[in-house]
Amino acid sequence: MAEVVAVYPNRVKIAVNDIEALAHDDLVEVGSYLKVYDSTESAIIAIIENYSIELRPSKDGQLDRIYMIEAVPLGIIDRDGHFERGGGGIAIPPKTVSIALKNEVQKIYNTVDRKNRFHFAQLAQDEEVDVPVDGNRFFSRHIAVVGSTGSGKSHAMARIIQKATEIRDEEAGQQYALNNTHVIIFDLHAEYRSAFPEANQIGVDSLVLPYWLLNSEELQDLFIESNEEQSHNQIAILKKSITEGKRLSFSGSDERKDLIHYDSPLFFDIDKVLSDIKDKNEERVTTVTAAGKPSEKAGPLFGKLDNFLTRLENRRNDRRLDFLLGSRAKSTKLEEVLRQFTGYVKGSHSNVTVIDLSGVPFEVLSLTVSLVSRLLFDYSYYFKKSNAEGRSETPLLLVYEEAHKYVPKSALSKYSSSRNAIERIAKEGRKYGITAAIVSQRPAEISETIFSQCNNFLAMRLTNPDDQNYVKRLIPDSLGPLTDALPMLSSGEALLIGDAAVMPSRVRLDHAHPPPSSSDVLYLREWARPWHDVPFEPLVQDWEK
């Protein structure tokens, strides 16, 4: 019926002369699972990659169809029924080949410890087969969700987060409204508000991100043009003025005041810094001539800081940057900043915080992402450090939507602060209970350091060859047939690969309820309607704000 005719390091070749007998009234197709038994009573689980049909003459002069199937091994079931991904080779001689039945495939997926099972997808070939992952491994290791526009990335990420907020401790013995999930979403296109109506929604009008929490790199991104002739002088005077400003505003002991430096997360008055720099730019010094008479001349920085001052004043007076440089930023405390991002807003706790970045000017987008990411990393670090048992009791998931827009491979200095902040989370976050979920339609444009730290992948439809090759190169498993399907996946389908998955699988994700507002505009439906009058006045008022 079916016989193994060749075994290679990464695939098995099988000749089938009676496909119906092999199928047992089930479908056999590319993507179906096979069991290949050997003489040790172990069985390789393999996925069909491709098949061909050979016509061979039979004894009666007719032509027999021989189906030549090539399958890629995914793992081994031992004689006790335990599944292990990868594993050794097949013992010689291989004995029998059969289709892995639905209940057998489900048993394999159910080898995930029941307490750790996290469900959000079904097998694409058979949606009655549930595909759980190990929730601890899924969320404690970084996640990558990639796919072209319209492939369903936002829906997938929204459903995963919704499922996370629904889990409960069965041993708690009590009902509770909120579990201890903490998710922060960097939402570039205001898509997630509809998916999380009860979330802590932070828009540019309510966002408070004090300038005095910026570190040296971020301050220089905001105020310094590195290609200017006087940039070295600008950096020196900015550092000196800010450090003095922090010491001036500090009310603690002199001993602690002496420890204050440029990067200390302490308040300083931006207007005082602006005034000090203006004084330096206009400074004239008195000297004594050879004749002993006093003489006044231009100071060392006289007139050299004009461009710098103009840039500082423009930033300070830009109303779009009020969330960063406005009056609220001066009066807000660090605790209030941390509370707004972690869901601990007084009187209104929330599992999910959606930071709507659609109103943030693009020139400070990377800086904004950098500062929030760095603050949350430091929060996680100090929380674990201060915990008596050294535990991370409020682990965070940071979802970076459209990550290619603020952590690209580009060497431009304006991206350096955000890239450094997210790379630090990618490399060190797991130790402190802070995980990144990188969501992007252009994975080939993202910092490779960040992607290489991701241990779990949801690869949705990708049509760009560069992106396909990039993802294939990063995926840890050698999975030719699965990754070759990237350009052909339908919306909502994904390749689930990584440490948390029992075995690499092509899955269909559950629909998000409610969904994010990321669906395509239905042009024909809208154009077919009667003429629609536009209320321009409120539109313009909102625009002008």
Protein backbone atom coordinates (compact mmCIF):
# COMPACT_ATOMS: atom_id res chain seq x y z
CA MET A 1 0.00 0.00 0.00
CA ALA A 2 2.64 2.56 1.13
CA GLU A 3 6.35 2.01 1.43
CA VAL A 4 9.31 4.18 2.41
CA VAL A 5 11.71 4.18 -0.53
CA ALA A 6 14.21 6.82 0.60
CA VAL A 7 15.23 8.53 3.82
CA TYR A 8 17.17 11.82 3.75
CA PRO A 9 18.37 13.99 6.67
CA ASN A 10 15.38 16.31 6.32
CA ARG A 11 12.74 14.35 4.42
CA VAL A 12 11.23 10.96 3.74
CA LYS A 13 10.16 9.66 0.33
CA ILE A 14 7.18 7.29 0.20
CA ALA A 15 5.71 5.30 -2.70
CA VAL A 16 1.93 4.70 -2.50
CA ASN A 17 0.15 2.40 -4.94
CA ASP A 18 -3.29 2.58 -3.29
CA ILE A 19 -3.99 6.12 -2.15
CA GLU A 20 -7.56 5.32 -1.06
CA ALA A 21 -6.41 2.55 1.26
CA LEU A 22 -3.87 4.95 2.79
CA ALA A 23 -6.47 7.67 3.24
CA HIS A 24 -9.07 5.55 5.08
CA ASP A 25 -11.90 7.76 3.75
CA ASP A 26 -9.98 10.89 4.73
CA LEU A 27 -8.35 13.47 2.48
CA VAL A 28 -4.67 13.18 1.67
CA GLU A 29 -3.22 16.50 0.58
CA VAL A 30 -0.15 18.68 0.89
CA GLY A 31 -0.01 19.55 4.58
CA SER A 32 -1.53 16.27 5.80
CA TYR A 33 0.27 14.42 8.60
CA LEU A 34 1.76 10.94 8.21
CA LYS A 35 3.04 8.37 10.69
CA VAL A 36 6.09 6.38 9.60
CA TYR A 37 6.78 3.41 11.91
CA ASP A 38 10.16 1.73 12.27
CA SER A 39 11.40 -1.49 13.79
CA THR A 40 11.59 0.02 17.29
CA GLU A 41 7.82 0.69 17.32
CA SER A 42 8.50 4.43 17.32
CA ALA A 43 6.84 6.59 14.70
CA ILE A 44 7.98 9.69 12.90
CA ILE A 45 5.30 12.35 12.45
CA ALA A 46 5.86 14.00 9.08
CA ILE A 47 4.02 16.61 7.04
CA ILE A 48 3.47 16.08 3.31
CA GLU A 49 5.51 18.62 1.36
CA ASN A 50 4.69 17.54 -2.20
CA TYR A 51 3.80 14.56 -4.33
CA SER A 52 4.14 13.40 -7.92
CA ILE A 53 2.45 10.65 -9.92
CA GLU A 54 4.46 8.09 -11.83
CA LEU A 55 2.85 5.87 -14.44
CA ARG A 56 4.40 2.41 -14.46
CA PRO A 57 3.46 -0.52 -16.72
CA SER A 58 1.69 -3.35 -14.92
CA LYS A 59 1.81 -7.09 -15.65
CA ASP A 60 -1.46 -6.92 -17.60
CA GLY A 61 -0.16 -4.19 -19.90
CA GLN A 62 -2.02 -1.36 -18.16
CA LEU A 63 -0.45 1.67 -16.48
CA ASP A 64 -0.44 1.75 -12.68
CA ARG A 65 -0.38 5.05 -10.80
CA ILE A 66 2.31 5.29 -8.16
CA TYR A 67 2.08 8.32 -5.87
CA MET A 68 5.53 9.50 -4.83
CA ILE A 69 5.11 11.49 -1.62
CA GLU A 70 7.82 13.60 -0.01
CA ALA A 71 7.27 14.44 3.65
CA VAL A 72 9.27 16.48 6.17
CA PRO A 73 9.71 14.91 9.65
CA LEU A 74 8.49 17.07 12.53
CA GLY A 75 9.08 14.81 15.51
CA ILE A 76 8.94 11.31 16.97
CA ILE A 77 6.29 9.48 18.99
CA ASP A 78 7.91 6.82 21.16
CA ARG A 79 6.33 3.51 22.04
CA ASP A 80 4.76 5.08 25.15
CA GLY A 81 3.00 7.73 23.07
CA HIS A 82 5.22 10.67 24.07
CA PHE A 83 5.94 13.21 21.31
CA GLU A 84 9.32 14.87 20.97
CA ARG A 85 9.99 17.52 18.34
CA GLY A 86 12.98 16.82 16.14
CA GLY A 87 14.48 13.71 17.68
CA GLY A 88 16.67 11.13 15.96
CA GLY A 89 16.37 9.42 12.61
CA ILE A 90 14.24 6.50 11.57
CA ALA A 91 15.58 3.05 12.39
CA ILE A 92 16.28 0.67 9.51
CA PRO A 93 14.15 -0.85 8.17
CA PRO A 94 11.10 1.45 8.17
CA LYS A 95 7.97 -0.66 8.46
CA THR A 96 4.60 0.93 7.74
CA VAL A 97 3.15 4.29 6.75
CA SER A 98 -0.30 5.56 7.66
CA ILE A 99 -2.25 8.80 7.82
CA ALA A 100 -2.22 10.40 11.27
CA LEU A 101 -5.90 10.49 12.23
CA LYS A 102 -7.59 13.55 13.72
CA ASN A 103 -7.67 12.20 17.27
CA GLU A 104 -4.02 11.13 16.99
CA VAL A 105 -2.97 14.62 15.85
CA GLN A 106 -4.99 16.18 18.69
CA LYS A 107 -3.26 13.90 21.21
CA ILE A 108 0.09 15.20 19.99
CA TYR A 109 -0.98 18.83 20.49
CA ASN A 110 -2.42 17.96 23.89
CA THR A 111 1.02 16.94 25.14
CA VAL A 112 1.30 20.53 26.37
CA ASP A 113 0.88 20.51 30.16
CA ARG A 114 -2.80 21.19 30.86
CA LYS A 115 -1.99 23.97 33.34
CA ASN A 116 0.09 25.80 30.74
CA ARG A 117 -2.16 25.40 27.69
CA PHE A 118 -3.03 28.63 25.92
CA HIS A 119 -5.53 28.42 23.04
CA PHE A 120 -5.96 30.86 20.18
CA ALA A 121 -5.76 28.81 16.96
CA GLN A 122 -6.90 25.66 15.16
CA LEU A 123 -5.16 23.50 12.58
CA ALA A 124 -5.72 25.04 9.14
CA GLN A 125 -6.19 21.64 7.48
CA ASP A 126 -8.83 20.61 10.04
CA GLU A 127 -10.33 23.30 12.27
CA GLU A 128 -11.70 20.67 14.65
CA VAL A 129 -8.12 20.10 15.83
CA ASP A 130 -7.22 22.67 18.47
CA VAL A 131 -3.59 23.84 18.51
CA PRO A 132 -2.63 25.00 22.02
CA VAL A 133 0.78 26.42 22.89
CA ASP A 134 2.67 26.45 26.16
CA GLY A 135 1.54 29.82 27.50
CA ASN A 136 4.57 30.31 29.73
CA ARG A 137 6.98 29.70 26.87
CA PHE A 138 4.87 31.77 24.49
CA PHE A 139 4.75 34.92 26.59
CA SER A 140 8.10 34.67 28.38
CA ARG A 141 10.00 34.53 25.08
CA HIS A 142 9.66 37.28 22.51
CA ILE A 143 7.03 36.97 19.78
CA ALA A 144 7.15 37.98 16.12
CA VAL A 145 3.93 38.46 14.13
CA VAL A 146 4.66 39.22 10.47
CA GLY A 147 2.53 39.44 7.35
CA SER A 148 1.62 41.65 4.43
CA THR A 149 -1.16 44.23 4.64
CA GLY A 150 -4.52 42.47 4.93
CA SER A 151 -3.11 39.17 6.18
CA GLY A 152 -4.76 39.58 9.61
CA LYS A 153 -1.86 40.62 11.88
CA SER A 154 -3.86 43.07 14.00
CA HIS A 155 -6.77 40.63 14.34
CA ALA A 156 -4.34 37.89 15.39
CA MET A 157 -2.58 40.05 17.97
CA ALA A 158 -5.88 41.39 19.32
CA ARG A 159 -7.27 37.87 19.77
CA ILE A 160 -4.15 36.66 21.55
CA ILE A 161 -4.39 39.57 24.00
CA GLN A 162 -8.15 39.07 24.47
CA LYS A 163 -7.55 35.40 25.27
CA ALA A 164 -4.83 36.37 27.76
CA THR A 165 -7.20 38.65 29.66
CA GLU A 166 -9.76 35.82 29.87
CA ILE A 167 -7.56 33.22 31.59
CA ARG A 168 -8.21 32.52 35.28
CA ASP A 169 -6.46 30.56 38.00
CA GLU A 170 -8.72 27.53 38.54
CA GLU A 171 -7.13 26.94 41.93
CA ALA A 172 -7.82 30.46 43.19
CA GLY A 173 -11.21 29.41 44.56
CA GLN A 174 -12.82 32.76 43.84
CA GLN A 175 -14.26 34.82 41.00
CA TYR A 176 -12.50 38.02 39.99
CA ALA A 177 -13.13 40.61 37.27
CA LEU A 178 -9.54 41.34 36.27
CA ASN A 179 -6.71 38.87 36.06
CA ASN A 180 -3.09 40.00 36.36
CA THR A 181 -2.42 40.48 32.62
CA HIS A 182 -0.44 43.62 31.73
CA VAL A 183 -0.24 44.47 28.02
CA ILE A 184 0.94 47.77 26.52
CA ILE A 185 0.17 48.32 22.82
CA PHE A 186 2.01 50.91 20.72
CA ASP A 187 -0.83 51.62 18.27
CA LEU A 188 0.27 53.66 15.25
CA HIS A 189 -3.06 53.76 13.41
CA ALA A 190 -5.67 53.86 16.19
CA GLU A 191 -6.76 50.29 15.37
CA TYR A 192 -6.98 48.72 18.81
CA ARG A 193 -9.45 51.06 20.54
CA SER A 194 -12.42 49.12 19.15
CA ALA A 195 -10.91 45.74 20.12
CA PHE A 196 -10.40 46.83 23.75
CA PRO A 197 -13.19 49.27 24.68
CA GLU A 198 -12.47 48.80 28.41
CA ALA A 199 -8.74 49.37 28.03
CA ASN A 200 -6.74 52.24 29.44
CA GLN A 201 -6.77 54.45 26.32
CA ILE A 202 -3.95 56.98 26.06
CA GLY A 203 -4.08 59.42 23.14
CA VAL A 204 -1.88 62.41 22.45
CA ASP A 205 -4.34 64.59 24.43
CA SER A 206 -4.02 62.49 27.60
CA LEU A 207 -0.45 61.21 27.18
CA VAL A 208 2.03 62.71 29.65
CA LEU A 209 5.66 61.88 28.98
CA PRO A 210 7.88 64.36 30.84
CA TYR A 211 10.92 65.67 28.99
CA TRP A 212 13.01 65.46 32.17
CA LEU A 213 12.86 61.64 32.00
CA LEU A 214 14.66 61.62 28.64
CA ASN A 215 18.17 60.23 28.78
CA SER A 216 21.18 61.84 27.10
CA GLU A 217 20.69 60.00 23.81
CA GLU A 218 17.01 60.93 23.62
CA LEU A 219 17.64 64.57 24.57
CA GLN A 220 20.20 64.85 21.80
CA ASP A 221 17.78 63.22 19.32
CA LEU A 222 15.23 65.86 20.25
CA PHE A 223 17.39 68.97 20.30
CA ILE A 224 20.65 68.36 18.41
CA GLU A 225 21.35 68.12 14.68
CA SER A 226 24.42 65.89 14.60
CA ASN A 227 25.54 67.10 11.16
CA GLU A 228 25.82 70.76 12.22
CA GLU A 229 29.25 72.31 12.56
CA GLN A 230 28.65 73.38 16.16
CA SER A 231 26.97 70.13 17.30
CA HIS A 232 29.83 69.31 19.72
CA ASN A 233 29.41 72.68 21.43
CA GLN A 234 25.64 72.21 21.51
CA ILE A 235 25.99 68.81 23.21
CA ALA A 236 28.45 70.18 25.78
CA ILE A 237 26.33 73.19 26.75
CA LEU A 238 23.12 71.13 26.83
CA LYS A 239 24.71 68.54 29.13
CA LYS A 240 26.13 71.19 31.45
CA SER A 241 22.90 73.21 31.65
CA ILE A 242 20.66 70.18 32.26
CA THR A 243 22.94 68.66 34.91
CA GLU A 244 23.09 72.00 36.75
CA GLY A 245 19.31 72.35 36.38
CA LYS A 246 18.72 68.93 37.98
CA ARG A 247 21.01 69.77 40.88
CA LEU A 248 19.34 73.15 41.34
CA SER A 249 15.87 71.56 41.54
CA PHE A 250 16.96 68.73 43.85
CA SER A 251 15.95 69.17 47.49
CA GLY A 252 17.88 66.27 49.03
CA SER A 253 21.19 66.20 50.86
CA ASP A 254 24.38 67.68 49.41
CA GLU A 255 25.92 64.21 49.39
CA ARG A 256 23.16 62.88 47.11
CA LYS A 257 23.19 66.07 45.05
CA ASP A 258 26.83 65.45 44.16
CA LEU A 259 25.83 62.09 42.63
CA ILE A 260 23.38 63.66 40.16
CA HIS A 261 24.41 63.32 36.52
CA TYR A 262 23.08 64.04 33.03
CA ASP A 263 21.00 60.82 32.89
CA SER A 264 19.52 61.01 36.39
CA PRO A 265 15.68 60.74 36.14
CA LEU A 266 15.17 64.01 38.02
CA PHE A 267 13.26 67.18 37.22
CA PHE A 268 14.86 70.20 35.59
CA ASP A 269 13.22 73.36 34.24
CA ILE A 270 13.46 73.41 30.44
CA ASP A 271 12.83 77.16 30.38
CA LYS A 272 15.75 77.75 32.75
CA VAL A 273 17.98 75.63 30.46
CA LEU A 274 16.80 77.66 27.46
CA SER A 275 17.60 80.89 29.32
CA ASP A 276 21.08 79.67 30.31
CA ILE A 277 21.94 78.69 26.73
CA LYS A 278 20.69 82.05 25.48
CA ASP A 279 22.97 83.77 28.00
CA LYS A 280 25.95 81.76 26.73
CA ASN A 281 25.11 82.66 23.15
CA GLU A 282 25.07 86.38 24.04
CA GLU A 283 27.91 86.33 26.57
CA ARG A 284 30.61 88.99 26.33
CA VAL A 285 33.72 88.82 28.49
CA THR A 286 35.87 91.60 29.85
CA THR A 287 39.62 91.41 29.27
CA VAL A 288 42.55 93.77 29.96
CA THR A 289 44.47 95.16 26.99
CA ALA A 290 48.27 95.42 26.82
CA ALA A 291 47.88 99.02 27.89
CA GLY A 292 46.07 97.90 31.04
CA LYS A 293 42.66 99.14 29.95
CA PRO A 294 39.52 96.98 30.29
CA SER A 295 38.09 95.73 26.99
CA GLU A 296 34.94 93.79 26.20
CA LYS A 297 34.86 91.09 23.55
CA ALA A 298 32.61 88.25 22.40
CA GLY A 299 32.54 85.14 24.61
CA PRO A 300 33.72 81.74 23.34
CA LEU A 301 30.19 80.75 22.23
CA PHE A 302 28.94 84.16 21.19
CA GLY A 303 26.61 83.77 18.19
CA LYS A 304 27.56 80.10 17.69
CA LEU A 305 24.37 78.76 19.23
CA ASP A 306 21.83 80.66 17.09
CA ASN A 307 20.58 77.60 15.21
CA PHE A 308 20.52 75.56 18.41
CA LEU A 309 18.46 78.20 20.23
CA THR A 310 16.03 78.49 17.34
CA ARG A 311 15.53 74.73 17.38
CA LEU A 312 15.08 74.68 21.17
CA GLU A 313 12.52 77.49 21.06
CA ASN A 314 10.63 75.89 18.18
CA ARG A 315 10.42 72.59 20.05
CA ARG A 316 9.41 74.30 23.29
CA ASN A 317 6.65 76.32 21.61
CA ASP A 318 5.34 73.49 19.40
CA ARG A 319 1.89 72.73 20.82
CA ARG A 320 1.98 69.26 19.24
CA LEU A 321 4.70 68.41 21.76
CA ASP A 322 2.74 69.51 24.84
CA PHE A 323 2.62 65.86 26.01
CA LEU A 324 6.42 66.03 26.22
CA LEU A 325 7.35 69.68 26.91
CA GLY A 326 4.11 71.27 28.14
CA SER A 327 3.06 72.39 31.60
CA ARG A 328 1.67 68.98 32.58
CA ALA A 329 5.08 67.43 31.89
CA LYS A 330 6.59 69.81 34.46
CA SER A 331 4.21 68.84 37.27
CA THR A 332 3.85 65.10 36.69
CA LYS A 333 5.65 62.68 39.02
CA LEU A 334 7.46 59.51 37.90
CA GLU A 335 4.94 57.34 39.77
CA GLU A 336 2.05 58.85 37.80
CA VAL A 337 3.88 58.20 34.53
CA LEU A 338 4.42 54.54 35.44
CA ARG A 339 0.82 54.11 36.56
CA GLN A 340 -0.58 55.38 33.26
CA PHE A 341 1.39 52.81 31.25
CA THR A 342 1.04 49.76 33.52
CA GLY A 343 -2.74 49.99 33.96
CA TYR A 344 -2.63 51.11 37.59
CA VAL A 345 -4.46 54.40 37.05
CA LYS A 346 -6.08 55.26 40.36
CA GLY A 347 -9.73 54.21 40.37
CA SER A 348 -9.52 52.58 36.93
CA HIS A 349 -7.34 49.49 36.68
CA SER A 350 -7.01 47.81 33.29
CA ASN A 351 -5.29 44.76 31.81
CA VAL A 352 -4.58 46.52 28.51
CA THR A 353 -3.10 49.95 27.86
CA VAL A 354 -3.45 51.24 24.30
CA ILE A 355 -1.05 54.08 23.49
CA ASP A 356 -2.53 55.76 20.41
CA LEU A 357 0.50 57.18 18.60
CA SER A 358 -1.45 58.35 15.54
CA GLY A 359 -1.40 61.93 16.85
CA VAL A 360 2.30 61.96 17.75
CA PRO A 361 4.42 63.90 15.23
CA PHE A 362 6.53 61.54 13.18
CA GLU A 363 9.76 63.36 14.02
CA VAL A 364 9.38 62.37 17.71
CA LEU A 365 7.72 58.97 17.19
CA SER A 366 10.91 56.95 17.73
CA LEU A 367 11.83 59.05 20.74
CA THR A 368 8.36 58.50 22.28
CA VAL A 369 8.56 54.73 21.79
CA SER A 370 12.10 54.76 23.16
CA LEU A 371 11.21 56.60 26.36
CA VAL A 372 8.13 54.49 27.15
CA SER A 373 10.03 51.24 26.44
CA ARG A 374 12.98 52.29 28.58
CA LEU A 375 10.75 53.35 31.49
CA LEU A 376 8.89 50.03 31.41
CA PHE A 377 12.15 48.07 31.29
CA ASP A 378 13.48 50.01 34.29
CA TYR A 379 10.15 49.51 36.11
CA SER A 380 10.44 45.73 35.56
CA TYR A 381 14.07 45.75 36.69
CA TYR A 382 13.42 47.66 39.91
CA PHE A 383 10.22 45.74 40.66
CA LYS A 384 12.09 42.42 40.58
CA LYS A 385 15.02 43.92 42.49
CA SER A 386 12.75 45.17 45.27
CA ASN A 387 10.69 41.96 45.47
CA ALA A 388 11.61 39.96 48.56
CA GLU A 389 11.56 36.70 46.58
CA GLY A 390 13.12 38.19 43.44
CA ARG A 391 9.94 37.45 41.46
CA SER A 392 8.44 39.37 38.55
CA GLU A 393 4.82 39.40 39.73
CA THR A 394 3.52 41.83 37.11
CA PRO A 395 5.10 40.58 33.85
CA LEU A 396 4.57 42.92 30.90
CA LEU A 397 3.94 42.30 27.21
CA LEU A 398 4.86 45.24 24.94
CA VAL A 399 3.22 45.06 21.51
CA TYR A 400 5.11 47.05 18.87
CA GLU A 401 2.70 47.56 15.95
CA GLU A 402 4.32 48.57 12.64
CA ALA A 403 7.71 48.13 14.31
CA HIS A 404 9.60 48.78 11.06
CA LYS A 405 8.69 52.47 11.35
CA TYR A 406 10.69 53.12 14.53
CA VAL A 407 13.25 50.27 14.77
CA PRO A 408 14.49 49.94 11.20
CA LYS A 409 17.90 48.67 10.17
CA SER A 410 18.74 52.26 9.25
CA ALA A 411 21.85 53.71 10.86
CA LEU A 412 20.25 57.18 11.12
CA SER A 413 20.78 58.71 14.56
CA LYS A 414 17.07 59.54 14.97
CA TYR A 415 16.32 55.82 15.30
CA SER A 416 19.21 54.95 17.60
CA SER A 417 17.43 55.59 20.92
CA SER A 418 14.34 53.48 20.08
CA ARG A 419 16.48 50.74 18.57
CA ASN A 420 18.69 50.62 21.67
CA ALA A 421 15.70 50.56 24.04
CA ILE A 422 13.89 47.73 22.22
CA GLU A 423 17.08 45.76 21.60
CA ARG A 424 17.75 45.91 25.33
CA ILE A 425 14.30 44.45 26.02
CA ALA A 426 14.92 41.80 23.36
CA LYS A 427 18.27 40.79 24.87
CA GLU A 428 17.61 41.21 28.61
CA GLY A 429 13.86 41.54 29.13
CA ARG A 430 13.13 37.86 29.79
CA LYS A 431 15.11 38.00 33.05
CA TYR A 432 12.90 40.80 34.40
CA GLY A 433 9.48 39.77 33.11
CA ILE A 434 9.14 42.10 30.12
CA THR A 435 8.48 40.61 26.68
CA ALA A 436 8.24 42.19 23.23
CA ALA A 437 5.76 41.27 20.50
CA ILE A 438 7.10 42.62 17.20
CA VAL A 439 4.34 43.14 14.63
CA SER A 440 5.36 44.20 11.12
CA GLN A 441 4.49 43.93 7.45
CA ARG A 442 8.15 44.51 6.48
CA PRO A 443 10.28 42.19 8.64
CA ALA A 444 13.27 42.62 6.30
CA GLU A 445 13.47 46.29 7.34
CA ILE A 446 13.64 45.66 11.10
CA SER A 447 16.76 45.47 13.24
CA GLU A 448 18.06 41.93 12.95
CA THR A 449 19.18 41.96 16.59
CA ILE A 450 15.57 42.28 17.67
CA PHE A 451 14.15 39.61 15.37
CA SER A 452 16.92 37.15 16.16
CA GLN A 453 15.83 37.20 19.84
CA CYS A 454 12.25 36.14 19.01
CA ASN A 455 11.58 32.51 19.91
CA ASN A 456 7.96 32.31 18.73
CA PHE A 457 6.76 33.21 15.25
CA LEU A 458 3.36 33.77 13.72
CA ALA A 459 4.22 34.16 10.05
CA MET A 460 1.16 35.20 8.04
CA ARG A 461 0.92 35.80 4.30
CA LEU A 462 4.05 37.50 2.95
CA THR A 463 4.23 38.47 -0.71
CA ASN A 464 7.53 40.35 -0.79
CA PRO A 465 10.41 37.95 -1.66
CA ASP A 466 12.87 39.86 0.56
CA ASP A 467 10.54 39.50 3.54
CA GLN A 468 9.94 35.81 2.81
CA ASN A 469 13.67 35.06 2.65
CA TYR A 470 14.34 37.09 5.77
CA VAL A 471 11.74 35.18 7.78
CA LYS A 472 12.95 31.81 6.44
CA ARG A 473 16.46 32.69 7.55
CA LEU A 474 15.38 33.61 11.08
CA ILE A 475 12.96 30.77 11.75
CA PRO A 476 14.80 28.23 13.89
CA ASP A 477 13.23 25.09 12.43
CA SER A 478 14.23 23.69 9.03
CA LEU A 479 10.77 23.76 7.47
CA GLY A 480 10.82 23.96 3.71
CA PRO A 481 7.19 23.00 3.00
CA LEU A 482 5.70 25.27 5.62
CA THR A 483 7.76 28.37 4.84
CA ASP A 484 7.24 27.89 1.10
CA ALA A 485 3.53 28.43 1.76
CA LEU A 486 4.05 32.00 3.03
CA PRO A 487 2.82 33.79 -0.12
CA MET A 488 -0.23 31.50 -0.41
CA LEU A 489 -1.70 31.73 3.09
CA SER A 490 -5.25 33.08 3.27
CA SER A 491 -6.26 35.90 5.61
CA GLY A 492 -6.22 34.69 9.21
CA GLU A 493 -3.88 31.77 8.50
CA ALA A 494 -0.36 31.63 9.92
CA LEU A 495 2.63 29.41 10.39
CA LEU A 496 3.00 28.84 14.13
CA ILE A 497 6.62 28.05 14.90
CA GLY A 498 8.81 28.26 17.97
CA ASP A 499 9.57 27.12 21.50
CA ALA A 500 5.95 27.29 22.67
CA ALA A 501 4.53 25.14 19.85
CA VAL A 502 4.40 21.35 20.13
CA MET A 503 5.42 21.20 16.48
CA PRO A 504 5.50 23.66 13.59
CA SER A 505 1.95 24.03 12.28
CA ARG A 506 -0.15 25.85 9.74
CA VAL A 507 -3.00 27.27 11.80
CA ARG A 508 -6.11 29.39 11.48
CA LEU A 509 -6.49 31.97 14.20
CA ASP A 510 -9.69 32.72 16.07
CA HIS A 511 -11.47 35.94 15.15
CA ALA A 512 -11.05 38.83 17.56
CA HIS A 513 -14.26 39.79 19.41
CA PRO A 514 -14.63 42.72 19.19
CA PRO A 515 -12.29 43.20 16.21
CA PRO A 516 -9.73 45.98 15.73
CA SER A 517 -10.63 48.67 13.19
CA SER A 518 -8.07 47.53 10.66
CA SER A 519 -10.33 46.10 7.96
CA ASP A 520 -10.10 47.35 4.38
CA VAL A 521 -12.35 50.21 3.32
CA LEU A 522 -15.20 48.81 1.22
CA TYR A 523 -14.93 51.23 -1.68
CA LEU A 524 -17.74 49.83 -3.84
CA ARG A 525 -20.18 49.75 -0.93
CA GLU A 526 -19.38 53.33 0.06
CA TRP A 527 -19.36 54.66 -3.50
CA ALA A 528 -22.68 52.99 -4.28
CA ARG A 529 -24.46 54.92 -1.50
CA PRO A 530 -26.26 58.24 -2.11
CA TRP A 531 -24.09 61.36 -1.88
CA HIS A 532 -22.78 61.87 1.65
CA ASP A 533 -22.36 65.40 3.03
CA VAL A 534 -19.14 65.98 5.00
CA PRO A 535 -19.30 68.05 8.24
CA PHE A 536 -16.13 70.05 7.54
CA GLU A 537 -16.28 72.35 10.58
CA PRO A 538 -15.62 69.73 13.33
CA LEU A 539 -13.12 67.99 11.04
CA VAL A 540 -11.09 71.20 10.62
CA GLN A 541 -11.38 72.06 14.32
CA ASP A 542 -9.92 68.68 15.26
CA TRP A 543 -7.19 69.12 12.62
CA GLU A 544 -6.24 72.58 13.90
CA LYS A 545 -5.91 71.37 17.50
